[in-house]
Amino acid sequence: MQYRGGFYQGPAGRRDGRVSRAADVIDLPPPAFNLSLLTPFFTKKGLSQDDMITLSGAHTDGFAHCPSFANRLYNYTKKASTDPSMDRNYAAQLRRRCPPRSNNVVPMDPPSPFTFDPSYYRNLLVNRGLFTSDQTLTSTWATAAKVRQLAGNPMLFQRKFAAAMVKMGKIGVLTGRKGEIRRHCRRINRCAVRLEATSCCSTLVCSALLMWRRRERV
């Protein structure tokens, strides 16, 4: 399958690590976080609540395993077996795709899981957010207003997402011998040669930049 949309440019030359470790990415917000937990999590990284809502739009692409949201479908509370903030028809569809204790996968954005577009936000406005961390973006008047704004303006979403990605790419930049500027974005250099003069994109934005360049050559 091929993903479509979401082309933007990003700055080159970020130093990336010479190793790839799962432990380096464990500090991520879990899908069960609500707004009061999500906001300070992003704030401590130097990202605003507006950045958080914009970056959450990345869930317009891809798929999720059932256990990551099963808590919203089964035995939610003593009063309700399903999360009441989830559309009932959507919940029923998910239960069919995700029977108890299954590890199946479902699209995070059912209308267009392979297209980078604002349909993720449209899902939230009709209570069809997959994770708690998705649907919680409509839990206050202020955040819901931002969701509505992005849902109705694809160009604004793409501009804000590009800016937020560039901002996120400036977090925790490695220096000196801790990192390197790669000759090829997707591969660690074979030797520890200093490559300050070699321009390459950040691993956070290189895929999007490469897609942009391919489109420019067409």
N, C-alpha and C. Protein backbone atom coordinates (compact mmCIF):
# COMPACT_ATOMS: atom_id res chain seq x y z
N MET A 1 0.83 -1.19 0.00
CA MET A 1 0.00 0.00 0.00
C MET A 1 0.88 1.25 0.00
N GLN A 2 0.39 2.29 -0.60
CA GLN A 2 1.15 3.54 -0.66
C GLN A 2 0.37 4.66 0.00
N TYR A 3 1.05 5.39 0.86
CA TYR A 3 0.43 6.53 1.52
C TYR A 3 0.47 7.74 0.61
N ARG A 4 -0.56 8.56 0.70
CA ARG A 4 -0.68 9.70 -0.19
C ARG A 4 -0.83 10.99 0.62
N GLY A 5 -0.26 12.07 0.06
CA GLY A 5 -0.45 13.39 0.65
C GLY A 5 0.60 13.73 1.69
N GLY A 6 0.54 14.97 2.20
CA GLY A 6 1.42 15.38 3.28
C GLY A 6 2.82 15.72 2.87
N PHE A 7 3.02 16.45 1.77
CA PHE A 7 4.35 16.82 1.35
C PHE A 7 4.75 18.16 1.97
N TYR A 8 5.95 18.21 2.52
CA TYR A 8 6.46 19.47 3.06
C TYR A 8 7.97 19.39 3.15
N GLN A 9 8.61 20.54 3.20
CA GLN A 9 10.06 20.61 3.31
C GLN A 9 10.48 20.80 4.76
N GLY A 10 11.69 20.34 5.07
CA GLY A 10 12.23 20.52 6.41
C GLY A 10 13.70 20.86 6.34
N PRO A 11 14.24 21.44 7.39
CA PRO A 11 15.66 21.80 7.40
C PRO A 11 16.55 20.57 7.44
N ALA A 12 17.75 20.70 6.90
CA ALA A 12 18.70 19.59 6.87
C ALA A 12 19.79 19.81 7.90
N GLY A 13 20.54 18.73 8.20
CA GLY A 13 21.74 18.85 9.02
C GLY A 13 21.60 18.48 10.48
N ARG A 14 20.48 17.93 10.91
CA ARG A 14 20.35 17.52 12.31
C ARG A 14 21.26 16.32 12.59
N ARG A 15 21.88 16.33 13.77
CA ARG A 15 22.69 15.19 14.17
C ARG A 15 21.80 14.08 14.71
N ASP A 16 21.97 12.89 14.17
CA ASP A 16 21.20 11.74 14.61
C ASP A 16 22.11 10.72 15.29
N GLY A 17 21.53 9.88 16.14
CA GLY A 17 22.30 8.90 16.88
C GLY A 17 22.91 7.83 15.99
N ARG A 18 23.97 7.22 16.46
CA ARG A 18 24.65 6.17 15.71
C ARG A 18 24.10 4.79 16.01
N VAL A 19 23.16 4.70 16.93
CA VAL A 19 22.54 3.42 17.26
C VAL A 19 21.03 3.59 17.29
N SER A 20 20.33 2.47 17.22
CA SER A 20 18.87 2.48 17.28
C SER A 20 18.45 1.58 18.43
N ARG A 21 17.83 2.17 19.46
CA ARG A 21 17.44 1.42 20.65
C ARG A 21 15.97 1.66 20.96
N ALA A 22 15.24 0.59 21.24
CA ALA A 22 13.82 0.73 21.58
C ALA A 22 13.65 1.57 22.84
N ALA A 23 14.63 1.48 23.76
CA ALA A 23 14.54 2.21 25.02
C ALA A 23 14.53 3.72 24.82
N ASP A 24 15.03 4.17 23.67
CA ASP A 24 15.08 5.61 23.40
C ASP A 24 13.73 6.20 23.08
N VAL A 25 12.75 5.36 22.78
CA VAL A 25 11.44 5.88 22.39
C VAL A 25 10.32 5.41 23.33
N ILE A 26 10.68 4.98 24.54
CA ILE A 26 9.65 4.53 25.48
C ILE A 26 8.94 5.70 26.15
N ASP A 27 9.54 6.87 26.08
CA ASP A 27 8.94 8.04 26.72
C ASP A 27 7.92 8.69 25.78
N LEU A 28 6.87 7.94 25.49
CA LEU A 28 5.81 8.40 24.61
C LEU A 28 4.48 8.35 25.37
N PRO A 29 3.57 9.27 25.08
CA PRO A 29 2.29 9.25 25.80
C PRO A 29 1.45 8.04 25.43
N PRO A 30 0.97 7.28 26.39
CA PRO A 30 0.16 6.10 26.09
C PRO A 30 -1.21 6.48 25.55
N PRO A 31 -1.87 5.58 24.82
CA PRO A 31 -3.16 5.90 24.21
C PRO A 31 -4.29 6.12 25.21
N ALA A 32 -4.08 5.77 26.48
CA ALA A 32 -5.12 5.95 27.49
C ALA A 32 -5.06 7.31 28.18
N PHE A 33 -4.09 8.15 27.82
CA PHE A 33 -3.96 9.46 28.45
C PHE A 33 -5.14 10.37 28.09
N ASN A 34 -5.60 11.14 29.09
CA ASN A 34 -6.61 12.16 28.81
C ASN A 34 -5.93 13.51 28.64
N LEU A 35 -6.73 14.56 28.43
CA LEU A 35 -6.17 15.87 28.11
C LEU A 35 -5.29 16.41 29.23
N SER A 36 -5.69 16.20 30.49
CA SER A 36 -4.93 16.74 31.61
C SER A 36 -3.57 16.06 31.76
N LEU A 37 -3.42 14.85 31.22
CA LEU A 37 -2.13 14.17 31.25
C LEU A 37 -1.32 14.45 29.98
N LEU A 38 -2.01 14.57 28.86
CA LEU A 38 -1.31 14.80 27.60
C LEU A 38 -0.64 16.17 27.55
N THR A 39 -1.36 17.20 27.96
CA THR A 39 -0.86 18.56 27.80
C THR A 39 0.47 18.78 28.50
N PRO A 40 0.63 18.45 29.79
CA PRO A 40 1.95 18.64 30.42
C PRO A 40 3.03 17.74 29.85
N PHE A 41 2.64 16.58 29.32
CA PHE A 41 3.62 15.69 28.69
C PHE A 41 4.27 16.39 27.51
N PHE A 42 3.46 17.04 26.68
CA PHE A 42 4.00 17.76 25.52
C PHE A 42 4.71 19.04 25.96
N THR A 43 4.17 19.69 26.98
CA THR A 43 4.77 20.94 27.45
C THR A 43 6.21 20.73 27.92
N LYS A 44 6.46 19.63 28.61
CA LYS A 44 7.81 19.37 29.11
C LYS A 44 8.80 19.12 27.97
N LYS A 45 8.27 18.83 26.77
CA LYS A 45 9.11 18.66 25.59
C LYS A 45 9.27 19.97 24.82
N GLY A 46 8.64 21.03 25.31
CA GLY A 46 8.72 22.30 24.63
C GLY A 46 7.67 22.48 23.54
N LEU A 47 6.64 21.65 23.57
CA LEU A 47 5.57 21.70 22.58
C LEU A 47 4.29 22.19 23.23
N SER A 48 3.59 23.07 22.55
CA SER A 48 2.36 23.65 23.09
C SER A 48 1.18 22.70 22.91
N GLN A 49 0.06 23.05 23.53
CA GLN A 49 -1.14 22.25 23.34
C GLN A 49 -1.59 22.29 21.88
N ASP A 50 -1.39 23.43 21.22
CA ASP A 50 -1.71 23.53 19.80
C ASP A 50 -0.83 22.59 18.98
N ASP A 51 0.45 22.50 19.32
CA ASP A 51 1.35 21.54 18.65
C ASP A 51 0.84 20.12 18.87
N MET A 52 0.43 19.82 20.08
CA MET A 52 -0.04 18.49 20.42
C MET A 52 -1.24 18.09 19.57
N ILE A 53 -2.21 19.01 19.45
CA ILE A 53 -3.41 18.71 18.66
C ILE A 53 -3.04 18.53 17.20
N THR A 54 -2.13 19.35 16.71
CA THR A 54 -1.70 19.25 15.31
C THR A 54 -0.96 17.95 15.05
N LEU A 55 -0.01 17.60 15.91
CA LEU A 55 0.77 16.37 15.72
C LEU A 55 -0.09 15.12 15.87
N SER A 56 -1.16 15.21 16.66
CA SER A 56 -2.07 14.07 16.80
C SER A 56 -2.72 13.72 15.47
N GLY A 57 -2.74 14.68 14.54
CA GLY A 57 -3.29 14.42 13.22
C GLY A 57 -2.53 13.37 12.45
N ALA A 58 -1.34 12.99 12.92
CA ALA A 58 -0.59 11.90 12.28
C ALA A 58 -1.38 10.60 12.34
N HIS A 59 -2.36 10.51 13.24
CA HIS A 59 -3.19 9.31 13.33
C HIS A 59 -4.17 9.19 12.17
N THR A 60 -4.09 10.09 11.23
CA THR A 60 -4.88 9.94 10.01
C THR A 60 -4.32 8.81 9.15
N ASP A 61 -3.10 8.38 9.41
CA ASP A 61 -2.46 7.28 8.68
C ASP A 61 -2.23 6.10 9.61
N GLY A 62 -2.30 4.90 9.05
CA GLY A 62 -1.83 3.73 9.78
C GLY A 62 -2.89 2.94 10.51
N PHE A 63 -2.40 1.94 11.26
CA PHE A 63 -3.26 0.97 11.93
C PHE A 63 -2.83 0.80 13.38
N ALA A 64 -3.73 0.25 14.20
CA ALA A 64 -3.45 0.03 15.62
C ALA A 64 -3.89 -1.36 16.03
N HIS A 65 -3.16 -1.97 16.96
CA HIS A 65 -3.53 -3.28 17.50
C HIS A 65 -4.67 -3.12 18.51
N CYS A 66 -5.55 -4.07 18.51
CA CYS A 66 -6.74 -4.02 19.37
C CYS A 66 -6.44 -3.78 20.85
N PRO A 67 -5.40 -4.40 21.44
CA PRO A 67 -5.16 -4.19 22.87
C PRO A 67 -4.91 -2.73 23.25
N SER A 68 -4.50 -1.89 22.30
CA SER A 68 -4.19 -0.51 22.62
C SER A 68 -5.44 0.32 22.90
N PHE A 69 -6.62 -0.18 22.57
CA PHE A 69 -7.86 0.56 22.85
C PHE A 69 -8.97 -0.35 23.37
N ALA A 70 -8.66 -1.62 23.67
CA ALA A 70 -9.67 -2.57 24.14
C ALA A 70 -10.33 -2.11 25.44
N ASN A 71 -9.60 -1.31 26.22
CA ASN A 71 -10.17 -0.82 27.49
C ASN A 71 -11.40 0.05 27.25
N ARG A 72 -11.54 0.60 26.05
CA ARG A 72 -12.71 1.44 25.73
C ARG A 72 -13.90 0.60 25.27
N LEU A 73 -13.66 -0.66 24.98
CA LEU A 73 -14.72 -1.51 24.42
C LEU A 73 -15.31 -2.49 25.43
N TYR A 74 -14.51 -2.91 26.41
CA TYR A 74 -14.94 -3.96 27.32
C TYR A 74 -14.73 -3.56 28.77
N ASN A 75 -15.78 -3.71 29.57
CA ASN A 75 -15.71 -3.48 31.02
C ASN A 75 -15.10 -2.11 31.34
N TYR A 76 -15.61 -1.09 30.67
CA TYR A 76 -15.05 0.26 30.85
C TYR A 76 -15.19 0.73 32.30
N THR A 77 -16.39 0.67 32.85
CA THR A 77 -16.64 0.97 34.26
C THR A 77 -17.75 0.06 34.74
N LYS A 78 -18.07 0.15 35.99
CA LYS A 78 -19.17 -0.64 36.54
C LYS A 78 -20.50 -0.23 35.92
N LYS A 79 -20.59 1.04 35.50
CA LYS A 79 -21.85 1.55 34.95
C LYS A 79 -21.96 1.36 33.44
N ALA A 80 -20.84 1.22 32.75
CA ALA A 80 -20.87 1.10 31.30
C ALA A 80 -19.77 0.17 30.82
N SER A 81 -20.12 -0.77 29.96
CA SER A 81 -19.11 -1.70 29.44
C SER A 81 -18.27 -1.05 28.34
N THR A 82 -18.81 -0.01 27.68
CA THR A 82 -18.12 0.69 26.61
C THR A 82 -17.95 2.16 26.97
N ASP A 83 -16.85 2.74 26.57
CA ASP A 83 -16.60 4.15 26.81
C ASP A 83 -17.74 4.98 26.22
N PRO A 84 -18.48 5.72 27.05
CA PRO A 84 -19.61 6.50 26.55
C PRO A 84 -19.22 7.64 25.62
N SER A 85 -17.93 8.01 25.58
CA SER A 85 -17.51 9.07 24.68
C SER A 85 -17.29 8.55 23.25
N MET A 86 -17.46 7.24 23.04
CA MET A 86 -17.29 6.65 21.71
C MET A 86 -18.65 6.41 21.06
N ASP A 87 -18.79 6.79 19.81
CA ASP A 87 -20.01 6.55 19.05
C ASP A 87 -20.39 5.07 19.14
N ARG A 88 -21.65 4.80 19.43
CA ARG A 88 -22.08 3.42 19.69
C ARG A 88 -21.91 2.52 18.46
N ASN A 89 -22.24 3.04 17.28
CA ASN A 89 -22.08 2.23 16.07
C ASN A 89 -20.61 1.93 15.78
N TYR A 90 -19.76 2.92 16.03
CA TYR A 90 -18.32 2.72 15.83
C TYR A 90 -17.80 1.69 16.83
N ALA A 91 -18.25 1.78 18.07
CA ALA A 91 -17.84 0.81 19.08
C ALA A 91 -18.26 -0.61 18.68
N ALA A 92 -19.46 -0.74 18.14
CA ALA A 92 -19.95 -2.06 17.71
C ALA A 92 -19.08 -2.61 16.58
N GLN A 93 -18.70 -1.75 15.65
CA GLN A 93 -17.82 -2.18 14.55
C GLN A 93 -16.48 -2.66 15.10
N LEU A 94 -15.94 -1.92 16.06
CA LEU A 94 -14.65 -2.28 16.63
C LEU A 94 -14.73 -3.60 17.40
N ARG A 95 -15.82 -3.83 18.10
CA ARG A 95 -15.96 -5.09 18.84
C ARG A 95 -15.99 -6.28 17.88
N ARG A 96 -16.58 -6.09 16.70
CA ARG A 96 -16.58 -7.18 15.72
C ARG A 96 -15.18 -7.45 15.19
N ARG A 97 -14.41 -6.38 15.01
CA ARG A 97 -13.04 -6.54 14.52
C ARG A 97 -12.07 -6.97 15.63
N CYS A 98 -12.44 -6.65 16.86
CA CYS A 98 -11.55 -6.89 18.00
C CYS A 98 -12.26 -7.65 19.11
N PRO A 99 -12.49 -8.94 18.93
CA PRO A 99 -13.07 -9.71 20.04
C PRO A 99 -12.12 -9.72 21.23
N PRO A 100 -12.62 -10.01 22.44
CA PRO A 100 -11.76 -9.98 23.62
C PRO A 100 -10.47 -10.78 23.45
N ARG A 101 -9.37 -10.18 23.91
CA ARG A 101 -8.04 -10.79 23.92
C ARG A 101 -7.47 -11.03 22.52
N SER A 102 -8.04 -10.40 21.50
CA SER A 102 -7.47 -10.54 20.16
C SER A 102 -6.36 -9.52 19.96
N ASN A 103 -5.51 -9.79 18.99
CA ASN A 103 -4.43 -8.85 18.66
C ASN A 103 -4.55 -8.42 17.19
N ASN A 104 -5.77 -8.31 16.72
CA ASN A 104 -6.00 -7.87 15.35
C ASN A 104 -5.61 -6.40 15.20
N VAL A 105 -5.61 -5.92 13.97
CA VAL A 105 -5.32 -4.51 13.72
C VAL A 105 -6.49 -3.86 13.01
N VAL A 106 -6.70 -2.58 13.31
CA VAL A 106 -7.77 -1.81 12.66
C VAL A 106 -7.19 -0.46 12.24
N PRO A 107 -7.77 0.18 11.23
CA PRO A 107 -7.27 1.50 10.81
C PRO A 107 -7.56 2.56 11.87
N MET A 108 -6.61 3.47 12.07
CA MET A 108 -6.83 4.55 13.02
C MET A 108 -7.77 5.61 12.45
N ASP A 109 -7.82 5.68 11.14
CA ASP A 109 -8.71 6.62 10.45
C ASP A 109 -9.46 5.83 9.38
N PRO A 110 -10.56 5.17 9.74
CA PRO A 110 -11.25 4.26 8.81
C PRO A 110 -11.58 4.85 7.44
N PRO A 111 -12.03 6.11 7.33
CA PRO A 111 -12.37 6.62 5.99
C PRO A 111 -11.19 6.68 5.03
N SER A 112 -9.98 6.93 5.54
CA SER A 112 -8.83 7.09 4.63
C SER A 112 -7.52 6.77 5.35
N PRO A 113 -7.29 5.50 5.69
CA PRO A 113 -6.09 5.15 6.47
C PRO A 113 -4.78 5.28 5.71
N PHE A 114 -4.83 5.47 4.39
CA PHE A 114 -3.60 5.58 3.61
C PHE A 114 -3.42 6.98 3.02
N THR A 115 -4.21 7.94 3.49
CA THR A 115 -4.13 9.30 2.97
C THR A 115 -3.93 10.29 4.11
N PHE A 116 -2.93 11.15 3.95
CA PHE A 116 -2.66 12.17 4.96
C PHE A 116 -3.63 13.33 4.73
N ASP A 117 -4.68 13.38 5.52
CA ASP A 117 -5.71 14.39 5.34
C ASP A 117 -6.36 14.68 6.70
N PRO A 118 -7.23 15.67 6.80
CA PRO A 118 -7.83 16.02 8.10
C PRO A 118 -9.04 15.18 8.49
N SER A 119 -9.26 14.04 7.84
CA SER A 119 -10.43 13.23 8.21
C SER A 119 -10.33 12.70 9.64
N TYR A 120 -9.09 12.60 10.16
CA TYR A 120 -8.91 12.23 11.57
C TYR A 120 -9.70 13.16 12.48
N TYR A 121 -9.62 14.46 12.21
CA TYR A 121 -10.32 15.44 13.03
C TYR A 121 -11.83 15.36 12.83
N ARG A 122 -12.25 15.05 11.63
CA ARG A 122 -13.68 14.87 11.38
C ARG A 122 -14.22 13.69 12.18
N ASN A 123 -13.42 12.64 12.30
CA ASN A 123 -13.82 11.49 13.12
C ASN A 123 -14.05 11.91 14.57
N LEU A 124 -13.15 12.74 15.09
CA LEU A 124 -13.27 13.17 16.49
C LEU A 124 -14.56 13.94 16.73
N LEU A 125 -14.98 14.73 15.74
CA LEU A 125 -16.18 15.56 15.91
C LEU A 125 -17.45 14.72 15.97
N VAL A 126 -17.38 13.47 15.51
CA VAL A 126 -18.55 12.57 15.61
C VAL A 126 -18.25 11.41 16.57
N ASN A 127 -17.32 11.65 17.51
CA ASN A 127 -16.99 10.68 18.56
C ASN A 127 -16.47 9.35 18.00
N ARG A 128 -15.66 9.44 16.97
CA ARG A 128 -15.08 8.24 16.40
C ARG A 128 -13.55 8.25 16.50
N GLY A 129 -13.06 8.82 17.57
CA GLY A 129 -11.63 8.74 17.85
C GLY A 129 -11.30 7.36 18.40
N LEU A 130 -10.21 6.76 17.93
CA LEU A 130 -9.90 5.39 18.33
C LEU A 130 -9.39 5.29 19.75
N PHE A 131 -8.43 6.16 20.11
CA PHE A 131 -7.83 6.11 21.44
C PHE A 131 -8.47 7.16 22.35
N THR A 132 -8.34 6.95 23.64
CA THR A 132 -8.73 7.98 24.61
C THR A 132 -7.96 9.26 24.32
N SER A 133 -6.67 9.12 23.99
CA SER A 133 -5.82 10.28 23.71
C SER A 133 -6.25 11.02 22.46
N ASP A 134 -7.03 10.38 21.60
CA ASP A 134 -7.59 11.05 20.43
C ASP A 134 -8.86 11.81 20.82
N GLN A 135 -9.83 11.08 21.36
CA GLN A 135 -11.14 11.68 21.62
C GLN A 135 -11.08 12.77 22.68
N THR A 136 -10.08 12.70 23.55
CA THR A 136 -9.97 13.71 24.60
C THR A 136 -9.69 15.11 24.03
N LEU A 137 -9.28 15.19 22.77
CA LEU A 137 -9.01 16.49 22.16
C LEU A 137 -10.28 17.31 21.97
N THR A 138 -11.43 16.68 22.11
CA THR A 138 -12.70 17.42 22.00
C THR A 138 -13.34 17.64 23.36
N SER A 139 -12.61 17.37 24.43
CA SER A 139 -13.21 17.38 25.76
C SER A 139 -13.35 18.77 26.36
N THR A 140 -12.73 19.79 25.78
CA THR A 140 -12.92 21.17 26.23
C THR A 140 -13.33 22.03 25.05
N TRP A 141 -13.93 23.17 25.36
CA TRP A 141 -14.37 24.06 24.28
C TRP A 141 -13.19 24.53 23.45
N ALA A 142 -12.09 24.89 24.11
CA ALA A 142 -10.93 25.44 23.41
C ALA A 142 -10.28 24.41 22.48
N THR A 143 -10.08 23.20 22.97
CA THR A 143 -9.43 22.18 22.13
C THR A 143 -10.37 21.72 21.02
N ALA A 144 -11.66 21.63 21.32
CA ALA A 144 -12.63 21.23 20.28
C ALA A 144 -12.67 22.26 19.16
N ALA A 145 -12.50 23.53 19.50
CA ALA A 145 -12.48 24.58 18.48
C ALA A 145 -11.30 24.40 17.53
N LYS A 146 -10.15 24.03 18.07
CA LYS A 146 -8.97 23.79 17.23
C LYS A 146 -9.18 22.57 16.34
N VAL A 147 -9.84 21.53 16.88
CA VAL A 147 -10.14 20.34 16.09
C VAL A 147 -11.05 20.71 14.92
N ARG A 148 -12.10 21.50 15.20
CA ARG A 148 -13.01 21.92 14.13
C ARG A 148 -12.30 22.74 13.06
N GLN A 149 -11.37 23.59 13.50
CA GLN A 149 -10.63 24.42 12.55
C GLN A 149 -9.80 23.56 11.60
N LEU A 150 -9.10 22.58 12.14
CA LEU A 150 -8.27 21.71 11.31
C LEU A 150 -9.11 20.77 10.45
N ALA A 151 -10.24 20.34 10.99
CA ALA A 151 -11.12 19.43 10.24
C ALA A 151 -11.63 20.06 8.96
N GLY A 152 -11.82 21.37 8.98
CA GLY A 152 -12.40 22.05 7.84
C GLY A 152 -11.42 22.73 6.91
N ASN A 153 -10.12 22.59 7.18
CA ASN A 153 -9.14 23.32 6.38
C ASN A 153 -7.90 22.46 6.12
N PRO A 154 -7.91 21.65 5.06
CA PRO A 154 -6.78 20.76 4.78
C PRO A 154 -5.45 21.48 4.62
N MET A 155 -5.44 22.65 3.96
CA MET A 155 -4.19 23.37 3.76
C MET A 155 -3.63 23.88 5.08
N LEU A 156 -4.51 24.36 5.95
CA LEU A 156 -4.05 24.81 7.27
C LEU A 156 -3.46 23.65 8.05
N PHE A 157 -4.10 22.49 8.00
CA PHE A 157 -3.59 21.32 8.69
C PHE A 157 -2.19 20.96 8.20
N GLN A 158 -1.99 20.95 6.89
CA GLN A 158 -0.68 20.59 6.37
C GLN A 158 0.39 21.61 6.76
N ARG A 159 0.05 22.90 6.73
CA ARG A 159 1.03 23.92 7.11
C ARG A 159 1.39 23.81 8.58
N LYS A 160 0.38 23.65 9.43
CA LYS A 160 0.65 23.57 10.87
C LYS A 160 1.39 22.28 11.22
N PHE A 161 1.05 21.18 10.54
CA PHE A 161 1.72 19.92 10.82
C PHE A 161 3.20 20.00 10.45
N ALA A 162 3.50 20.59 9.30
CA ALA A 162 4.90 20.75 8.89
C ALA A 162 5.67 21.58 9.91
N ALA A 163 5.07 22.68 10.37
CA ALA A 163 5.74 23.55 11.34
C ALA A 163 5.96 22.82 12.67
N ALA A 164 4.97 22.04 13.09
CA ALA A 164 5.09 21.30 14.36
C ALA A 164 6.14 20.20 14.25
N MET A 165 6.23 19.56 13.09
CA MET A 165 7.25 18.53 12.90
C MET A 165 8.66 19.11 12.94
N VAL A 166 8.83 20.27 12.31
CA VAL A 166 10.13 20.93 12.35
C VAL A 166 10.48 21.32 13.79
N LYS A 167 9.50 21.81 14.51
CA LYS A 167 9.72 22.17 15.91
C LYS A 167 10.09 20.94 16.74
N MET A 168 9.40 19.83 16.50
CA MET A 168 9.71 18.60 17.23
C MET A 168 11.10 18.08 16.86
N GLY A 169 11.51 18.32 15.61
CA GLY A 169 12.83 17.87 15.17
C GLY A 169 13.98 18.58 15.85
N LYS A 170 13.70 19.67 16.55
CA LYS A 170 14.75 20.41 17.26
C LYS A 170 14.91 19.95 18.71
N ILE A 171 14.10 18.98 19.10
CA ILE A 171 14.16 18.50 20.49
C ILE A 171 15.27 17.46 20.63
N GLY A 172 16.09 17.62 21.62
CA GLY A 172 17.09 16.61 21.94
C GLY A 172 18.10 16.34 20.85
N VAL A 173 18.54 17.38 20.16
CA VAL A 173 19.53 17.19 19.09
C VAL A 173 20.85 16.74 19.70
N LEU A 174 21.45 15.72 19.14
CA LEU A 174 22.72 15.21 19.64
C LEU A 174 23.88 16.06 19.12
N THR A 175 24.94 16.15 19.91
CA THR A 175 26.11 16.95 19.52
C THR A 175 27.38 16.15 19.70
N GLY A 176 28.45 16.65 19.09
CA GLY A 176 29.75 16.01 19.24
C GLY A 176 29.74 14.56 18.82
N ARG A 177 30.40 13.70 19.59
CA ARG A 177 30.50 12.30 19.23
C ARG A 177 29.22 11.51 19.51
N LYS A 178 28.25 12.15 20.11
CA LYS A 178 26.99 11.45 20.40
C LYS A 178 26.13 11.28 19.15
N GLY A 179 26.42 12.06 18.12
CA GLY A 179 25.60 11.97 16.92
C GLY A 179 26.40 12.23 15.66
N GLU A 180 25.71 12.15 14.53
CA GLU A 180 26.36 12.37 13.25
C GLU A 180 25.34 12.88 12.25
N ILE A 181 25.83 13.61 11.24
CA ILE A 181 24.98 14.00 10.13
C ILE A 181 25.13 12.92 9.06
N ARG A 182 24.05 12.25 8.76
CA ARG A 182 24.14 11.07 7.90
C ARG A 182 24.22 11.42 6.42
N ARG A 183 25.01 10.61 5.70
CA ARG A 183 25.05 10.76 4.25
C ARG A 183 23.69 10.36 3.64
N HIS A 184 23.10 9.31 4.20
CA HIS A 184 21.78 8.85 3.76
C HIS A 184 20.88 8.80 5.00
N CYS A 185 19.74 9.45 4.91
CA CYS A 185 18.89 9.64 6.08
C CYS A 185 18.54 8.35 6.79
N ARG A 186 18.34 7.28 6.04
CA ARG A 186 17.83 6.04 6.62
C ARG A 186 18.92 5.09 7.09
N ARG A 187 20.20 5.46 6.91
CA ARG A 187 21.28 4.56 7.28
C ARG A 187 22.32 5.29 8.13
N ILE A 188 22.78 4.61 9.17
CA ILE A 188 23.88 5.15 9.97
C ILE A 188 25.16 5.06 9.16
N ASN A 189 26.00 6.09 9.22
CA ASN A 189 27.26 6.08 8.47
C ASN A 189 28.11 4.87 8.86
N ARG A 190 28.83 4.34 7.93
CA ARG A 190 29.63 3.14 8.19
C ARG A 190 30.86 3.42 9.04
N CYS A 191 31.35 4.62 9.04
CA CYS A 191 32.51 4.95 9.85
C CYS A 191 32.23 6.22 10.63
N ALA A 192 33.01 6.48 11.64
CA ALA A 192 32.78 7.61 12.54
C ALA A 192 33.42 8.89 12.01
N VAL A 193 33.33 9.12 10.71
CA VAL A 193 33.89 10.33 10.12
C VAL A 193 32.98 11.50 10.46
N ARG A 194 33.58 12.65 10.78
CA ARG A 194 32.78 13.84 11.06
C ARG A 194 32.25 14.39 9.75
N LEU A 195 30.95 14.65 9.72
CA LEU A 195 30.31 15.01 8.46
C LEU A 195 29.56 16.32 8.56
N GLU A 196 30.13 17.28 9.31
CA GLU A 196 29.41 18.54 9.48
C GLU A 196 29.07 19.21 8.16
N ALA A 197 29.93 19.01 7.14
CA ALA A 197 29.70 19.69 5.87
C ALA A 197 28.73 18.94 4.97
N THR A 198 28.35 17.73 5.37
CA THR A 198 27.44 16.92 4.56
C THR A 198 26.02 17.19 5.00
N SER A 199 25.20 17.65 4.09
CA SER A 199 23.82 18.00 4.43
C SER A 199 22.93 16.79 4.30
N CYS A 200 22.13 16.56 5.32
CA CYS A 200 21.15 15.48 5.28
C CYS A 200 19.98 15.88 6.15
N CYS A 201 18.86 15.27 5.91
CA CYS A 201 17.67 15.64 6.66
C CYS A 201 17.57 14.85 7.95
N SER A 202 16.79 15.38 8.88
CA SER A 202 16.53 14.69 10.13
C SER A 202 15.74 13.43 9.87
N THR A 203 16.00 12.40 10.67
CA THR A 203 15.21 11.18 10.53
C THR A 203 13.75 11.43 10.82
N LEU A 204 13.45 12.50 11.57
CA LEU A 204 12.06 12.81 11.87
C LEU A 204 11.31 13.32 10.66
N VAL A 205 12.02 13.95 9.74
CA VAL A 205 11.33 14.55 8.60
C VAL A 205 11.88 14.07 7.26
N CYS A 206 12.84 13.17 7.27
CA CYS A 206 13.49 12.82 6.01
C CYS A 206 12.53 12.13 5.05
N SER A 207 11.66 11.26 5.55
CA SER A 207 10.75 10.57 4.66
C SER A 207 9.86 11.55 3.92
N ALA A 208 9.34 12.52 4.67
CA ALA A 208 8.48 13.51 4.03
C ALA A 208 9.26 14.36 3.03
N LEU A 209 10.50 14.69 3.37
CA LEU A 209 11.31 15.50 2.47
C LEU A 209 11.64 14.73 1.20
N LEU A 210 11.94 13.44 1.34
CA LEU A 210 12.23 12.63 0.17
C LEU A 210 11.01 12.54 -0.74
N MET A 211 9.82 12.41 -0.13
CA MET A 211 8.59 12.37 -0.91
C MET A 211 8.39 13.69 -1.66
N TRP A 212 8.71 14.79 -0.99
CA TRP A 212 8.59 16.11 -1.60
C TRP A 212 9.50 16.21 -2.83
N ARG A 213 10.73 15.75 -2.67
CA ARG A 213 11.69 15.84 -3.77
C ARG A 213 11.24 14.98 -4.95
N ARG A 214 10.68 13.78 -4.66
CA ARG A 214 10.20 12.94 -5.75
C ARG A 214 9.08 13.64 -6.52
N ARG A 215 8.19 14.30 -5.80
CA ARG A 215 7.10 14.99 -6.45
C ARG A 215 7.61 16.14 -7.32
N GLU A 216 8.64 16.85 -6.82
CA GLU A 216 9.19 17.97 -7.58
C GLU A 216 9.83 17.52 -8.89
N ARG A 217 10.30 16.24 -8.94
CA ARG A 217 10.93 15.76 -10.16
C ARG A 217 9.92 15.28 -11.18
N VAL A 218 8.69 15.06 -10.77
CA VAL A 218 7.66 14.56 -11.68
C VAL A 218 7.25 15.64 -12.68
